[in-house]
Amino acid sequence: MGTILLAVEGVNVRLSGSLSAVEEFKIIIESVLSLPSSLVHYKDSTSSSPSLPRFLVKIKKELIGMGMPSADPSLAPSPAQHISPEDLHSMLTSSTSDVVLLDTRNDYELKMGTFKSAHHFDISTFRDFPASAKSSPLPKSDKIVMFCTGGIRCEKAAFAMEAAGYPSSSLYQLDGGILNYFEKVSPDASRETYEGGCFVFDDRVVVDVEGKTVKGVRVCFRCRWPLSGGEVEAMGGEDRVIKCEKCGEEDMLNCEGRKRKRNY
């Protein structure tokens, strides 16, 4: 099972399957795209059940839509410098650090967890990021480290920040995103700097600092807003069709015909 997104600016692949099948598919991808493994960044984690419902290939204008044609990583390198999870952790735990963290994700994602003291633009879609960057109160003289789930959005967000007047010399992005941070920094150390889990776009919904699925979390049947285990239980449990408070004004239906395997 999996989803493959193809665009001029790059390729994004998500796979769910046995270890041997996934490893074999990695080899095929690198061969077909003529890419050395050093240019392909994998973020592996385990799950007790398949986390993607089907196999799908899509050709898109943008891997992640931001509506800013000039923000094309295939034409120019990102204005932001990459910073490793280990180096970022050292900065965050240093008493003399002056780094400013910027979460580039959407509001429903950061609800499930983010770095402590991180700033965000309170956006519901990534297409709002460029306009929010222009009106951002963050000082342009500050050292800003952007982060997202796996690093892709930051590649594009950096262009928007530069266009908004932030100098490239002060822009950084977490290499590999939150998931890479969880992988490279120990769980105990991660808990010092990160609160909650990380929203992911598959049936796991949220993973914790150990990369494990957070049990009980679901997303709204209609709008994909994530709901905590407590909220799900209050609505009747995981076997029901779950709607958030905004979408729940209509009757919640416990109807097998309306249940779907993919809840995001």
C-alpha atoms as a PDB file:
ATOM      1  CA  MET A   1       0.000   0.000   0.000  1.00  0.00           C
ATOM      2  CA  GLY A   2       1.184   3.530  -0.542  1.00  0.00           C
ATOM      3  CA  THR A   3       0.976   6.915  -2.222  1.00  0.00           C
ATOM      4  CA  ILE A   4       3.456   8.246  -4.771  1.00  0.00           C
ATOM      5  CA  LEU A   5       3.330  11.940  -5.657  1.00  0.00           C
ATOM      6  CA  LEU A   6       5.237  13.011  -8.765  1.00  0.00           C
ATOM      7  CA  ALA A   7       6.034  16.616  -9.674  1.00  0.00           C
ATOM      8  CA  VAL A   8       8.741  18.506 -11.533  1.00  0.00           C
ATOM      9  CA  GLU A   9      10.043  19.745  -8.184  1.00  0.00           C
ATOM     10  CA  GLY A  10      10.466  16.266  -6.718  1.00  0.00           C
ATOM     11  CA  VAL A  11       8.965  12.975  -5.603  1.00  0.00           C
ATOM     12  CA  ASN A  12       7.198  12.083  -2.376  1.00  0.00           C
ATOM     13  CA  VAL A  13       6.622   8.409  -1.569  1.00  0.00           C
ATOM     14  CA  ARG A  14       4.766   6.871   1.365  1.00  0.00           C
ATOM     15  CA  LEU A  15       4.722   3.096   1.707  1.00  0.00           C
ATOM     16  CA  SER A  16       3.165   0.659   4.139  1.00  0.00           C
ATOM     17  CA  GLY A  17       4.072  -3.012   4.012  1.00  0.00           C
ATOM     18  CA  SER A  18       6.435  -5.703   5.194  1.00  0.00           C
ATOM     19  CA  LEU A  19      10.063  -4.719   5.741  1.00  0.00           C
ATOM     20  CA  SER A  20      11.270  -6.826   2.817  1.00  0.00           C
ATOM     21  CA  ALA A  21       8.649  -5.417   0.432  1.00  0.00           C
ATOM     22  CA  VAL A  22       9.397  -1.820   1.409  1.00  0.00           C
ATOM     23  CA  GLU A  23      13.155  -2.321   1.054  1.00  0.00           C
ATOM     24  CA  GLU A  24      12.661  -3.877  -2.382  1.00  0.00           C
ATOM     25  CA  PHE A  25      10.483  -0.959  -3.448  1.00  0.00           C
ATOM     26  CA  LYS A  26      13.162   1.519  -2.338  1.00  0.00           C
ATOM     27  CA  ILE A  27      15.627  -0.147  -4.706  1.00  0.00           C
ATOM     28  CA  ILE A  28      13.101   0.055  -7.547  1.00  0.00           C
ATOM     29  CA  ILE A  29      12.441   3.760  -6.904  1.00  0.00           C
ATOM     30  CA  GLU A  30      16.136   4.640  -6.926  1.00  0.00           C
ATOM     31  CA  SER A  31      16.647   2.638 -10.112  1.00  0.00           C
ATOM     32  CA  VAL A  32      13.661   4.048 -12.021  1.00  0.00           C
ATOM     33  CA  LEU A  33      14.448   7.639 -11.026  1.00  0.00           C
ATOM     34  CA  SER A  34      18.206   7.157 -11.490  1.00  0.00           C
ATOM     35  CA  LEU A  35      18.844   8.555  -8.029  1.00  0.00           C
ATOM     36  CA  PRO A  36      21.761   7.676  -5.754  1.00  0.00           C
ATOM     37  CA  SER A  37      20.620   6.599  -2.296  1.00  0.00           C
ATOM     38  CA  SER A  38      22.450   9.604  -0.816  1.00  0.00           C
ATOM     39  CA  LEU A  39      19.852  11.905  -2.412  1.00  0.00           C
ATOM     40  CA  VAL A  40      16.862   9.958  -1.132  1.00  0.00           C
ATOM     41  CA  HIS A  41      15.796  10.550   2.457  1.00  0.00           C
ATOM     42  CA  TYR A  42      13.864   7.730   4.115  1.00  0.00           C
ATOM     43  CA  LYS A  43      12.039   7.965   7.422  1.00  0.00           C
ATOM     44  CA  ASP A  44      11.187   4.452   8.545  1.00  0.00           C
ATOM     45  CA  SER A  45       8.869   3.539  11.390  1.00  0.00           C
ATOM     46  CA  THR A  46       6.893   0.485  12.427  1.00  0.00           C
ATOM     47  CA  SER A  47       3.182  -0.153  12.779  1.00  0.00           C
ATOM     48  CA  SER A  48       1.169  -3.147  13.944  1.00  0.00           C
ATOM     49  CA  SER A  49      -1.116  -2.907  10.903  1.00  0.00           C
ATOM     50  CA  PRO A  50      -1.082  -1.361   7.394  1.00  0.00           C
ATOM     51  CA  SER A  51      -1.328   2.426   7.731  1.00  0.00           C
ATOM     52  CA  LEU A  52      -2.293   3.222   4.135  1.00  0.00           C
ATOM     53  CA  PRO A  53      -5.493   1.867   2.546  1.00  0.00           C
ATOM     54  CA  ARG A  54      -4.521   1.499  -1.108  1.00  0.00           C
ATOM     55  CA  PHE A  55      -1.817   2.089  -3.710  1.00  0.00           C
ATOM     56  CA  LEU A  56      -2.103   5.397  -5.525  1.00  0.00           C
ATOM     57  CA  VAL A  57       0.098   7.351  -7.949  1.00  0.00           C
ATOM     58  CA  LYS A  58      -0.583  11.043  -8.590  1.00  0.00           C
ATOM     59  CA  ILE A  59       1.040  13.550 -10.937  1.00  0.00           C
ATOM     60  CA  LYS A  60       0.823  17.035  -9.424  1.00  0.00           C
ATOM     61  CA  LYS A  61       1.931  20.584 -10.193  1.00  0.00           C
ATOM     62  CA  GLU A  62       3.363  20.858  -6.678  1.00  0.00           C
ATOM     63  CA  LEU A  63       4.200  18.161  -4.149  1.00  0.00           C
ATOM     64  CA  ILE A  64       2.667  20.425  -1.514  1.00  0.00           C
ATOM     65  CA  GLY A  65       0.609  23.287  -2.877  1.00  0.00           C
ATOM     66  CA  MET A  66       1.728  26.750  -1.788  1.00  0.00           C
ATOM     67  CA  GLY A  67       0.668  28.732  -4.857  1.00  0.00           C
ATOM     68  CA  MET A  68       4.052  30.429  -5.244  1.00  0.00           C
ATOM     69  CA  PRO A  69       5.584  29.437  -8.622  1.00  0.00           C
ATOM     70  CA  SER A  70       8.994  30.884  -7.745  1.00  0.00           C
ATOM     71  CA  ALA A  71       9.259  28.476  -4.800  1.00  0.00           C
ATOM     72  CA  ASP A  72      10.551  25.560  -6.855  1.00  0.00           C
ATOM     73  CA  PRO A  73      13.371  23.555  -5.231  1.00  0.00           C
ATOM     74  CA  SER A  74      14.122  21.953  -8.607  1.00  0.00           C
ATOM     75  CA  LEU A  75      15.134  25.338 -10.054  1.00  0.00           C
ATOM     76  CA  ALA A  76      17.087  26.756  -7.125  1.00  0.00           C
ATOM     77  CA  PRO A  77      18.303  25.429  -3.780  1.00  0.00           C
ATOM     78  CA  SER A  78      16.363  26.345  -0.673  1.00  0.00           C
ATOM     79  CA  PRO A  79      17.410  29.725   0.795  1.00  0.00           C
ATOM     80  CA  ALA A  80      17.501  28.087   4.222  1.00  0.00           C
ATOM     81  CA  GLN A  81      20.487  26.205   5.569  1.00  0.00           C
ATOM     82  CA  HIS A  82      19.867  22.682   6.816  1.00  0.00           C
ATOM     83  CA  ILE A  83      20.463  21.966  10.479  1.00  0.00           C
ATOM     84  CA  SER A  84      20.747  18.440  11.879  1.00  0.00           C
ATOM     85  CA  PRO A  85      18.450  17.168  14.644  1.00  0.00           C
ATOM     86  CA  GLU A  86      21.459  16.764  16.926  1.00  0.00           C
ATOM     87  CA  ASP A  87      22.617  20.346  16.396  1.00  0.00           C
ATOM     88  CA  LEU A  88      19.120  21.709  16.889  1.00  0.00           C
ATOM     89  CA  HIS A  89      18.758  19.779  20.123  1.00  0.00           C
ATOM     90  CA  SER A  90      22.029  21.244  21.377  1.00  0.00           C
ATOM     91  CA  MET A  91      20.769  24.727  20.545  1.00  0.00           C
ATOM     92  CA  LEU A  92      17.428  24.191  22.253  1.00  0.00           C
ATOM     93  CA  THR A  93      19.000  22.888  25.447  1.00  0.00           C
ATOM     94  CA  SER A  94      21.687  25.570  25.607  1.00  0.00           C
ATOM     95  CA  SER A  95      21.156  28.399  28.078  1.00  0.00           C
ATOM     96  CA  THR A  96      22.685  30.849  25.605  1.00  0.00           C
ATOM     97  CA  SER A  97      20.649  29.846  22.545  1.00  0.00           C
ATOM     98  CA  ASP A  98      18.860  32.655  20.712  1.00  0.00           C
ATOM     99  CA  VAL A  99      17.160  30.495  18.087  1.00  0.00           C
ATOM    100  CA  VAL A 100      13.517  31.097  17.119  1.00  0.00           C
ATOM    101  CA  LEU A 101      11.506  28.011  16.119  1.00  0.00           C
ATOM    102  CA  LEU A 102       8.839  28.324  13.426  1.00  0.00           C
ATOM    103  CA  ASP A 103       6.318  25.532  12.853  1.00  0.00           C
ATOM    104  CA  THR A 104       5.324  25.689   9.166  1.00  0.00           C
ATOM    105  CA  ARG A 105       2.505  23.141   9.487  1.00  0.00           C
ATOM    106  CA  ASN A 106      -1.256  23.661   9.576  1.00  0.00           C
ATOM    107  CA  ASP A 107      -3.249  24.306  12.746  1.00  0.00           C
ATOM    108  CA  TYR A 108      -4.797  20.828  12.922  1.00  0.00           C
ATOM    109  CA  GLU A 109      -1.327  19.249  12.807  1.00  0.00           C
ATOM    110  CA  LEU A 110       0.316  21.277  15.537  1.00  0.00           C
ATOM    111  CA  LYS A 111      -2.699  20.622  17.781  1.00  0.00           C
ATOM    112  CA  MET A 112      -1.271  17.124  18.260  1.00  0.00           C
ATOM    113  CA  GLY A 113       2.188  18.326  19.269  1.00  0.00           C
ATOM    114  CA  THR A 114       5.059  20.665  18.490  1.00  0.00           C
ATOM    115  CA  PHE A 115       8.364  21.907  19.855  1.00  0.00           C
ATOM    116  CA  LYS A 116       8.063  23.791  23.113  1.00  0.00           C
ATOM    117  CA  SER A 117       8.053  27.589  22.629  1.00  0.00           C
ATOM    118  CA  ALA A 118       7.660  27.227  18.839  1.00  0.00           C
ATOM    119  CA  HIS A 119       5.952  30.000  16.894  1.00  0.00           C
ATOM    120  CA  HIS A 120       3.389  29.343  14.179  1.00  0.00           C
ATOM    121  CA  PHE A 121       1.239  31.323  11.748  1.00  0.00           C
ATOM    122  CA  ASP A 122      -2.079  29.678  12.723  1.00  0.00           C
ATOM    123  CA  ILE A 123      -2.830  28.651   9.132  1.00  0.00           C
ATOM    124  CA  SER A 124      -5.370  26.043   8.048  1.00  0.00           C
ATOM    125  CA  THR A 125      -3.741  25.473   4.654  1.00  0.00           C
ATOM    126  CA  PHE A 126      -0.157  25.771   3.440  1.00  0.00           C
ATOM    127  CA  ARG A 127      -1.328  28.131   0.685  1.00  0.00           C
ATOM    128  CA  ASP A 128      -1.763  30.781   3.388  1.00  0.00           C
ATOM    129  CA  PHE A 129       1.892  30.559   4.413  1.00  0.00           C
ATOM    130  CA  PRO A 130       3.339  33.196   1.997  1.00  0.00           C
ATOM    131  CA  ALA A 131       0.835  35.878   3.067  1.00  0.00           C
ATOM    132  CA  SER A 132       1.333  35.005   6.731  1.00  0.00           C
ATOM    133  CA  ALA A 133       5.098  35.269   6.322  1.00  0.00           C
ATOM    134  CA  LYS A 134       4.712  38.800   4.957  1.00  0.00           C
ATOM    135  CA  SER A 135       2.668  39.877   7.979  1.00  0.00           C
ATOM    136  CA  SER A 136       4.723  37.914  10.506  1.00  0.00           C
ATOM    137  CA  PRO A 137       5.822  39.790  13.646  1.00  0.00           C
ATOM    138  CA  LEU A 138       8.990  37.689  13.923  1.00  0.00           C
ATOM    139  CA  PRO A 139      12.043  39.999  13.830  1.00  0.00           C
ATOM    140  CA  LYS A 140      13.990  39.692  10.594  1.00  0.00           C
ATOM    141  CA  SER A 141      17.253  39.837  12.505  1.00  0.00           C
ATOM    142  CA  ASP A 142      16.505  36.654  14.459  1.00  0.00           C
ATOM    143  CA  LYS A 143      17.926  33.228  13.669  1.00  0.00           C
ATOM    144  CA  ILE A 144      14.837  31.311  12.545  1.00  0.00           C
ATOM    145  CA  VAL A 145      14.718  27.519  12.368  1.00  0.00           C
ATOM    146  CA  MET A 146      11.716  26.209  10.444  1.00  0.00           C
ATOM    147  CA  PHE A 147      10.390  22.686  10.850  1.00  0.00           C
ATOM    148  CA  CYS A 148       7.595  20.479   9.523  1.00  0.00           C
ATOM    149  CA  THR A 149       6.722  16.778   9.483  1.00  0.00           C
ATOM    150  CA  GLY A 150       9.395  15.447   7.142  1.00  0.00           C
ATOM    151  CA  GLY A 151      11.185  18.467   5.718  1.00  0.00           C
ATOM    152  CA  ILE A 152       9.418  18.929   2.374  1.00  0.00           C
ATOM    153  CA  ARG A 153       7.308  21.928   3.334  1.00  0.00           C
ATOM    154  CA  CYS A 154      10.298  23.785   4.740  1.00  0.00           C
ATOM    155  CA  GLU A 155      12.033  23.542   1.364  1.00  0.00           C
ATOM    156  CA  LYS A 156       9.228  25.717  -0.026  1.00  0.00           C
ATOM    157  CA  ALA A 157       8.495  27.782   3.089  1.00  0.00           C
ATOM    158  CA  ALA A 158      12.054  29.112   2.968  1.00  0.00           C
ATOM    159  CA  PHE A 159      11.330  30.797  -0.380  1.00  0.00           C
ATOM    160  CA  ALA A 160       8.243  32.472   1.103  1.00  0.00           C
ATOM    161  CA  MET A 161      10.211  33.701   4.113  1.00  0.00           C
ATOM    162  CA  GLU A 162      12.926  35.131   1.868  1.00  0.00           C
ATOM    163  CA  ALA A 163      10.299  36.839  -0.308  1.00  0.00           C
ATOM    164  CA  ALA A 164       8.831  38.342   2.872  1.00  0.00           C
ATOM    165  CA  GLY A 165      12.151  40.021   3.632  1.00  0.00           C
ATOM    166  CA  TYR A 166      13.888  37.504   5.878  1.00  0.00           C
ATOM    167  CA  PRO A 167      17.560  37.204   4.828  1.00  0.00           C
ATOM    168  CA  SER A 168      18.700  33.732   3.827  1.00  0.00           C
ATOM    169  CA  SER A 169      21.630  34.080   6.230  1.00  0.00           C
ATOM    170  CA  SER A 170      19.187  33.890   9.154  1.00  0.00           C
ATOM    171  CA  LEU A 171      16.987  31.091   7.793  1.00  0.00           C
ATOM    172  CA  TYR A 172      17.450  27.446   8.784  1.00  0.00           C
ATOM    173  CA  GLN A 173      15.373  24.298   8.411  1.00  0.00           C
ATOM    174  CA  LEU A 174      15.382  21.113  10.445  1.00  0.00           C
ATOM    175  CA  ASP A 175      16.851  18.409   8.231  1.00  0.00           C
ATOM    176  CA  GLY A 176      14.282  15.643   7.758  1.00  0.00           C
ATOM    177  CA  GLY A 177      11.706  17.371   9.926  1.00  0.00           C
ATOM    178  CA  ILE A 178      10.151  16.233  13.179  1.00  0.00           C
ATOM    179  CA  LEU A 179      10.244  12.556  12.231  1.00  0.00           C
ATOM    180  CA  ASN A 180      13.997  12.714  11.710  1.00  0.00           C
ATOM    181  CA  TYR A 181      14.368  14.494  15.045  1.00  0.00           C
ATOM    182  CA  PHE A 182      12.491  11.654  16.754  1.00  0.00           C
ATOM    183  CA  GLU A 183      14.778   9.161  15.015  1.00  0.00           C
ATOM    184  CA  LYS A 184      18.105  10.865  15.757  1.00  0.00           C
ATOM    185  CA  VAL A 185      17.438  12.263  19.243  1.00  0.00           C
ATOM    186  CA  SER A 186      16.613   9.853  22.067  1.00  0.00           C
ATOM    187  CA  PRO A 187      13.000   9.767  23.328  1.00  0.00           C
ATOM    188  CA  ASP A 188      13.961  11.109  26.766  1.00  0.00           C
ATOM    189  CA  ALA A 189      15.948  13.946  25.209  1.00  0.00           C
ATOM    190  CA  SER A 190      13.138  14.673  22.733  1.00  0.00           C
ATOM    191  CA  ARG A 191      10.665  15.062  25.587  1.00  0.00           C
ATOM    192  CA  GLU A 192      12.829  17.883  26.954  1.00  0.00           C
ATOM    193  CA  THR A 193      12.202  19.984  23.854  1.00  0.00           C
ATOM    194  CA  TYR A 194       9.047  18.562  22.259  1.00  0.00           C
ATOM    195  CA  GLU A 195       5.539  18.307  23.636  1.00  0.00           C
ATOM    196  CA  GLY A 196       2.985  15.784  22.373  1.00  0.00           C
ATOM    197  CA  GLY A 197       3.253  13.751  19.181  1.00  0.00           C
ATOM    198  CA  CYS A 198       3.572  14.332  15.448  1.00  0.00           C
ATOM    199  CA  PHE A 199       0.574  14.304  13.123  1.00  0.00           C
ATOM    200  CA  VAL A 200       1.123  12.037  10.102  1.00  0.00           C
ATOM    201  CA  PHE A 201      -0.965  11.681   6.957  1.00  0.00           C
ATOM    202  CA  ASP A 202      -1.955   8.044   7.260  1.00  0.00           C
ATOM    203  CA  ASP A 203      -4.149   5.848   9.428  1.00  0.00           C
ATOM    204  CA  ARG A 204      -1.798   6.129  12.406  1.00  0.00           C
ATOM    205  CA  VAL A 205      -2.771   9.835  12.660  1.00  0.00           C
ATOM    206  CA  VAL A 206      -0.213  10.620  15.386  1.00  0.00           C
ATOM    207  CA  VAL A 207       3.133   9.091  16.384  1.00  0.00           C
ATOM    208  CA  ASP A 208       4.982   9.775  19.628  1.00  0.00           C
ATOM    209  CA  VAL A 209       8.664  10.579  20.200  1.00  0.00           C
ATOM    210  CA  GLU A 210       9.444   6.853  19.985  1.00  0.00           C
ATOM    211  CA  GLY A 211       7.796   6.625  16.559  1.00  0.00           C
ATOM    212  CA  LYS A 212       4.920   4.570  17.958  1.00  0.00           C
ATOM    213  CA  THR A 213       1.275   5.112  17.060  1.00  0.00           C
ATOM    214  CA  VAL A 214      -0.643   7.106  19.664  1.00  0.00           C
ATOM    215  CA  LYS A 215      -3.671   4.936  20.404  1.00  0.00           C
ATOM    216  CA  GLY A 216      -7.223   6.233  20.231  1.00  0.00           C
ATOM    217  CA  VAL A 217      -6.610   9.330  18.125  1.00  0.00           C
ATOM    218  CA  ARG A 218      -8.912   9.784  15.127  1.00  0.00           C
ATOM    219  CA  VAL A 219      -9.728  12.526  12.650  1.00  0.00           C
ATOM    220  CA  CYS A 220     -13.082  14.092  11.836  1.00  0.00           C
ATOM    221  CA  PHE A 221     -14.937  12.186   9.127  1.00  0.00           C
ATOM    222  CA  ARG A 222     -15.540  15.433   7.227  1.00  0.00           C
ATOM    223  CA  CYS A 223     -12.793  17.996   7.838  1.00  0.00           C
ATOM    224  CA  ARG A 224      -9.849  15.831   9.053  1.00  0.00           C
ATOM    225  CA  TRP A 225      -9.478  17.767  12.315  1.00  0.00           C
ATOM    226  CA  PRO A 226      -7.665  15.422  14.737  1.00  0.00           C
ATOM    227  CA  LEU A 227      -9.455  14.340  17.881  1.00  0.00           C
ATOM    228  CA  SER A 228      -7.758  13.046  21.003  1.00  0.00           C
ATOM    229  CA  GLY A 229      -8.560   9.701  22.575  1.00  0.00           C
ATOM    230  CA  GLY A 230     -10.686  11.422  25.215  1.00  0.00           C
ATOM    231  CA  GLU A 231     -12.703  13.273  22.594  1.00  0.00           C
ATOM    232  CA  VAL A 232     -13.229  10.071  20.612  1.00  0.00           C
ATOM    233  CA  GLU A 233     -14.454   8.214  23.695  1.00  0.00           C
ATOM    234  CA  ALA A 234     -16.849  11.052  24.497  1.00  0.00           C
ATOM    235  CA  MET A 235     -18.370  10.592  21.054  1.00  0.00           C
ATOM    236  CA  GLY A 236     -18.995   6.901  21.513  1.00  0.00           C
ATOM    237  CA  GLY A 237     -15.667   5.253  20.754  1.00  0.00           C
ATOM    238  CA  GLU A 238     -13.617   4.325  17.714  1.00  0.00           C
ATOM    239  CA  ASP A 239     -16.333   2.177  16.104  1.00  0.00           C
ATOM    240  CA  ARG A 240     -18.519   5.192  15.387  1.00  0.00           C
ATOM    241  CA  VAL A 241     -18.258   7.728  12.582  1.00  0.00           C
ATOM    242  CA  ILE A 242     -16.429  10.554  14.324  1.00  0.00           C
ATOM    243  CA  LYS A 243     -17.087  14.242  13.662  1.00  0.00           C
ATOM    244  CA  CYS A 244     -15.510  17.244  15.342  1.00  0.00           C
ATOM    245  CA  GLU A 245     -17.628  19.760  17.247  1.00  0.00           C
ATOM    246  CA  LYS A 246     -18.034  22.036  14.214  1.00  0.00           C
ATOM    247  CA  CYS A 247     -19.097  19.231  11.897  1.00  0.00           C
ATOM    248  CA  GLY A 248     -21.089  17.421  14.580  1.00  0.00           C
ATOM    249  CA  GLU A 249     -24.139  19.661  14.462  1.00  0.00           C
ATOM    250  CA  GLU A 250     -25.678  17.080  12.187  1.00  0.00           C
ATOM    251  CA  ASP A 251     -26.525  13.695  13.668  1.00  0.00           C
ATOM    252  CA  MET A 252     -23.521  11.406  14.032  1.00  0.00           C
ATOM    253  CA  LEU A 253     -24.323   8.245  12.112  1.00  0.00           C
ATOM    254  CA  ASN A 254     -23.347   4.795  13.260  1.00  0.00           C
ATOM    255  CA  CYS A 255     -23.778   3.511   9.727  1.00  0.00           C
ATOM    256  CA  GLU A 256     -21.560   0.816   8.246  1.00  0.00           C
ATOM    257  CA  GLY A 257     -22.180   2.185   4.761  1.00  0.00           C
ATOM    258  CA  ARG A 258     -20.625   5.533   5.656  1.00  0.00           C
ATOM    259  CA  LYS A 259     -17.573   4.198   7.429  1.00  0.00           C
ATOM    260  CA  ARG A 260     -14.426   4.361   5.384  1.00  0.00           C
ATOM    261  CA  LYS A 261     -11.035   2.837   5.886  1.00  0.00           C
ATOM    262  CA  ARG A 262      -9.212   6.071   5.280  1.00  0.00           C
ATOM    263  CA  ASN A 263     -10.065   8.656   7.920  1.00  0.00           C
ATOM    264  CA  TYR A 264      -7.900  11.569   6.807  1.00  0.00           C
END
